[in-house]
Amino acid sequence: MSNDLGVPRKWVAPASGIVKCNFHTNWRNDRHLTGGAWITRDHRGDVGMHARDALLPSPDKLSAEMNCLLWVRRSLRDLWLEAVSIGTDSQRLVDSIQNPTRWPRYQCLLRQIVALCAEFVVIAFEVESRW
């Protein structure tokens, strides 16, 4: 089921053997800390792990989301997860990862994201509502 923006209204389970990690970034402005949280679930919806943290300030929301994604990806890698689906409520973030040349301002962060993605056997991104 989708809302008017095409974003699923509820969480969608991953395929068996894939861990789904949903994350959210909280950013108010460039003078405040960015916060992030993530949670993993299996194909039955059972919660595996979760974390939250305060991150360094970012100049804008998209760079905050990219920095949060880098934290999430490093966490998943450090937990030895190899097949993951990443759920986010940011269509802009997914667009920037899928078309990095269209986002030159963020090329440094996007290179880091692409490098981390290469360390996973299976990696997918989904846009989902956080509600």
C-alpha atoms as a PDB file:
ATOM      1  CA  MET A   1       0.000   0.000   0.000  1.00  0.00           C
ATOM      2  CA  SER A   2       1.396   3.410  -0.953  1.00  0.00           C
ATOM      3  CA  ASN A   3       0.685   7.006  -0.071  1.00  0.00           C
ATOM      4  CA  ASP A   4       0.441   9.828  -2.636  1.00  0.00           C
ATOM      5  CA  LEU A   5       4.234  10.031  -2.938  1.00  0.00           C
ATOM      6  CA  GLY A   6       4.579   6.318  -3.761  1.00  0.00           C
ATOM      7  CA  VAL A   7       6.239   5.565  -0.415  1.00  0.00           C
ATOM      8  CA  PRO A   8       4.996   2.366   1.275  1.00  0.00           C
ATOM      9  CA  ARG A   9       2.931   3.136   4.354  1.00  0.00           C
ATOM     10  CA  LYS A  10       4.143   0.161   6.345  1.00  0.00           C
ATOM     11  CA  TRP A  11       7.259  -1.893   6.778  1.00  0.00           C
ATOM     12  CA  VAL A  12       7.841  -4.513   4.103  1.00  0.00           C
ATOM     13  CA  ALA A  13       9.615  -7.735   5.112  1.00  0.00           C
ATOM     14  CA  PRO A  14      12.837  -8.719   3.338  1.00  0.00           C
ATOM     15  CA  ALA A  15      13.286 -12.052   1.555  1.00  0.00           C
ATOM     16  CA  SER A  16      14.403 -14.988   3.670  1.00  0.00           C
ATOM     17  CA  GLY A  17      18.158 -14.822   4.258  1.00  0.00           C
ATOM     18  CA  ILE A  18      18.237 -11.019   4.001  1.00  0.00           C
ATOM     19  CA  VAL A  19      18.365  -8.726   7.021  1.00  0.00           C
ATOM     20  CA  LYS A  20      16.446  -5.478   6.700  1.00  0.00           C
ATOM     21  CA  CYS A  21      17.893  -2.436   8.398  1.00  0.00           C
ATOM     22  CA  ASN A  22      15.687   0.622   8.695  1.00  0.00           C
ATOM     23  CA  PHE A  23      17.297   3.852   9.777  1.00  0.00           C
ATOM     24  CA  HIS A  24      16.292   7.430  10.360  1.00  0.00           C
ATOM     25  CA  THR A  25      18.321  10.623  10.614  1.00  0.00           C
ATOM     26  CA  ASN A  26      17.231  13.582  12.699  1.00  0.00           C
ATOM     27  CA  TRP A  27      18.633  16.922  11.513  1.00  0.00           C
ATOM     28  CA  ARG A  28      17.399  20.380  12.506  1.00  0.00           C
ATOM     29  CA  ASN A  29      20.040  22.776  11.219  1.00  0.00           C
ATOM     30  CA  ASP A  30      23.790  23.035  10.724  1.00  0.00           C
ATOM     31  CA  ARG A  31      24.473  24.217  14.283  1.00  0.00           C
ATOM     32  CA  HIS A  32      22.912  21.242  16.039  1.00  0.00           C
ATOM     33  CA  LEU A  33      24.073  17.677  16.349  1.00  0.00           C
ATOM     34  CA  THR A  34      22.635  15.118  13.996  1.00  0.00           C
ATOM     35  CA  GLY A  35      21.053  12.054  15.535  1.00  0.00           C
ATOM     36  CA  GLY A  36      20.552   8.657  14.000  1.00  0.00           C
ATOM     37  CA  ALA A  37      18.966   5.336  14.842  1.00  0.00           C
ATOM     38  CA  TRP A  38      18.733   1.968  13.117  1.00  0.00           C
ATOM     39  CA  ILE A  39      17.027  -1.372  13.689  1.00  0.00           C
ATOM     40  CA  THR A  40      17.371  -4.749  11.972  1.00  0.00           C
ATOM     41  CA  ARG A  41      14.612  -7.292  11.375  1.00  0.00           C
ATOM     42  CA  ASP A  42      14.482 -10.649   9.647  1.00  0.00           C
ATOM     43  CA  HIS A  43      11.923 -11.923   7.115  1.00  0.00           C
ATOM     44  CA  ARG A  44       9.434 -12.625   9.925  1.00  0.00           C
ATOM     45  CA  GLY A  45       9.775  -9.104  11.315  1.00  0.00           C
ATOM     46  CA  ASP A  46      11.654 -10.232  14.410  1.00  0.00           C
ATOM     47  CA  VAL A  47      14.002  -7.546  15.735  1.00  0.00           C
ATOM     48  CA  GLY A  48      17.677  -8.430  15.697  1.00  0.00           C
ATOM     49  CA  MET A  49      19.761  -5.426  16.737  1.00  0.00           C
ATOM     50  CA  HIS A  50      19.357  -1.693  17.097  1.00  0.00           C
ATOM     51  CA  ALA A  51      21.383   1.374  17.956  1.00  0.00           C
ATOM     52  CA  ARG A  52      21.152   5.131  18.187  1.00  0.00           C
ATOM     53  CA  ASP A  53      23.806   7.778  18.383  1.00  0.00           C
ATOM     54  CA  ALA A  54      24.576  11.470  18.131  1.00  0.00           C
ATOM     55  CA  LEU A  55      26.593  12.288  15.033  1.00  0.00           C
ATOM     56  CA  LEU A  56      28.699  15.264  13.989  1.00  0.00           C
ATOM     57  CA  PRO A  57      26.904  18.384  12.745  1.00  0.00           C
ATOM     58  CA  SER A  58      26.177  18.464   9.011  1.00  0.00           C
ATOM     59  CA  PRO A  59      25.584  21.487   6.769  1.00  0.00           C
ATOM     60  CA  ASP A  60      22.310  20.110   5.362  1.00  0.00           C
ATOM     61  CA  LYS A  61      19.837  17.257   5.725  1.00  0.00           C
ATOM     62  CA  LEU A  62      21.135  15.159   2.822  1.00  0.00           C
ATOM     63  CA  SER A  63      24.734  15.173   4.055  1.00  0.00           C
ATOM     64  CA  ALA A  64      23.422  14.292   7.530  1.00  0.00           C
ATOM     65  CA  GLU A  65      21.567  11.331   6.008  1.00  0.00           C
ATOM     66  CA  MET A  66      24.700  10.242   4.147  1.00  0.00           C
ATOM     67  CA  ASN A  67      26.823  10.424   7.299  1.00  0.00           C
ATOM     68  CA  CYS A  68      24.185   8.477   9.189  1.00  0.00           C
ATOM     69  CA  LEU A  69      24.107   5.854   6.428  1.00  0.00           C
ATOM     70  CA  LEU A  70      27.890   5.530   6.652  1.00  0.00           C
ATOM     71  CA  TRP A  71      27.571   4.899  10.399  1.00  0.00           C
ATOM     72  CA  VAL A  72      24.823   2.337   9.773  1.00  0.00           C
ATOM     73  CA  ARG A  73      26.813   0.550   7.040  1.00  0.00           C
ATOM     74  CA  ARG A  74      29.945   0.366   9.190  1.00  0.00           C
ATOM     75  CA  SER A  75      27.874  -1.003  12.062  1.00  0.00           C
ATOM     76  CA  LEU A  76      26.330  -3.707   9.860  1.00  0.00           C
ATOM     77  CA  ARG A  77      29.727  -4.608   8.439  1.00  0.00           C
ATOM     78  CA  ASP A  78      31.211  -4.832  11.933  1.00  0.00           C
ATOM     79  CA  LEU A  79      28.352  -7.181  12.869  1.00  0.00           C
ATOM     80  CA  TRP A  80      29.353  -9.451   9.946  1.00  0.00           C
ATOM     81  CA  LEU A  81      26.063  -9.020   8.095  1.00  0.00           C
ATOM     82  CA  GLU A  82      26.623  -9.722   4.396  1.00  0.00           C
ATOM     83  CA  ALA A  83      23.118  -9.608   2.877  1.00  0.00           C
ATOM     84  CA  VAL A  84      21.125  -6.518   3.798  1.00  0.00           C
ATOM     85  CA  SER A  85      18.297  -4.351   2.602  1.00  0.00           C
ATOM     86  CA  ILE A  86      18.427  -0.754   3.784  1.00  0.00           C
ATOM     87  CA  GLY A  87      15.125   1.011   4.406  1.00  0.00           C
ATOM     88  CA  THR A  88      15.046   4.802   4.562  1.00  0.00           C
ATOM     89  CA  ASP A  89      12.408   7.510   4.347  1.00  0.00           C
ATOM     90  CA  SER A  90      14.680   9.634   2.125  1.00  0.00           C
ATOM     91  CA  GLN A  91      14.049   9.337  -1.603  1.00  0.00           C
ATOM     92  CA  ARG A  92      16.786  11.948  -2.189  1.00  0.00           C
ATOM     93  CA  LEU A  93      19.328   9.736  -0.435  1.00  0.00           C
ATOM     94  CA  VAL A  94      18.439   6.706  -2.552  1.00  0.00           C
ATOM     95  CA  ASP A  95      18.493   8.849  -5.714  1.00  0.00           C
ATOM     96  CA  SER A  96      21.957  10.175  -4.847  1.00  0.00           C
ATOM     97  CA  ILE A  97      23.319   6.640  -4.305  1.00  0.00           C
ATOM     98  CA  GLN A  98      21.800   5.358  -7.550  1.00  0.00           C
ATOM     99  CA  ASN A  99      22.973   8.390  -9.586  1.00  0.00           C
ATOM    100  CA  PRO A 100      26.063   9.790  -7.823  1.00  0.00           C
ATOM    101  CA  THR A 101      27.218  11.848 -10.821  1.00  0.00           C
ATOM    102  CA  ARG A 102      24.083  13.986 -10.495  1.00  0.00           C
ATOM    103  CA  TRP A 103      25.114  14.986  -6.968  1.00  0.00           C
ATOM    104  CA  PRO A 104      28.667  16.417  -7.349  1.00  0.00           C
ATOM    105  CA  ARG A 105      28.460  18.387  -4.102  1.00  0.00           C
ATOM    106  CA  TYR A 106      28.359  15.081  -2.192  1.00  0.00           C
ATOM    107  CA  GLN A 107      30.906  13.120  -4.218  1.00  0.00           C
ATOM    108  CA  CYS A 108      33.238  12.498  -1.271  1.00  0.00           C
ATOM    109  CA  LEU A 109      30.471  11.028   0.893  1.00  0.00           C
ATOM    110  CA  LEU A 110      29.005   9.075  -2.023  1.00  0.00           C
ATOM    111  CA  ARG A 111      32.400   7.508  -2.805  1.00  0.00           C
ATOM    112  CA  GLN A 112      32.597   6.308   0.787  1.00  0.00           C
ATOM    113  CA  ILE A 113      29.054   4.887   0.587  1.00  0.00           C
ATOM    114  CA  VAL A 114      29.806   3.069  -2.686  1.00  0.00           C
ATOM    115  CA  ALA A 115      33.025   1.625  -1.220  1.00  0.00           C
ATOM    116  CA  LEU A 116      31.157   0.327   1.817  1.00  0.00           C
ATOM    117  CA  CYS A 117      28.408  -1.146  -0.373  1.00  0.00           C
ATOM    118  CA  ALA A 118      31.043  -3.175  -2.236  1.00  0.00           C
ATOM    119  CA  GLU A 119      31.858  -4.995   1.019  1.00  0.00           C
ATOM    120  CA  PHE A 120      28.413  -6.651   1.110  1.00  0.00           C
ATOM    121  CA  VAL A 121      27.365  -9.736  -0.849  1.00  0.00           C
ATOM    122  CA  VAL A 122      23.808  -8.405  -1.207  1.00  0.00           C
ATOM    123  CA  ILE A 123      22.835  -4.774  -0.773  1.00  0.00           C
ATOM    124  CA  ALA A 124      19.558  -3.101  -1.681  1.00  0.00           C
ATOM    125  CA  PHE A 125      17.900   0.197  -0.825  1.00  0.00           C
ATOM    126  CA  GLU A 126      14.194   0.791  -0.275  1.00  0.00           C
ATOM    127  CA  VAL A 127      12.269   3.948   0.394  1.00  0.00           C
ATOM    128  CA  GLU A 128       9.738   3.418   3.177  1.00  0.00           C
ATOM    129  CA  SER A 129       7.736   5.651   5.422  1.00  0.00           C
ATOM    130  CA  ARG A 130       9.063   5.881   8.949  1.00  0.00           C
ATOM    131  CA  TRP A 131       5.517   5.873  10.271  1.00  0.00           C
END
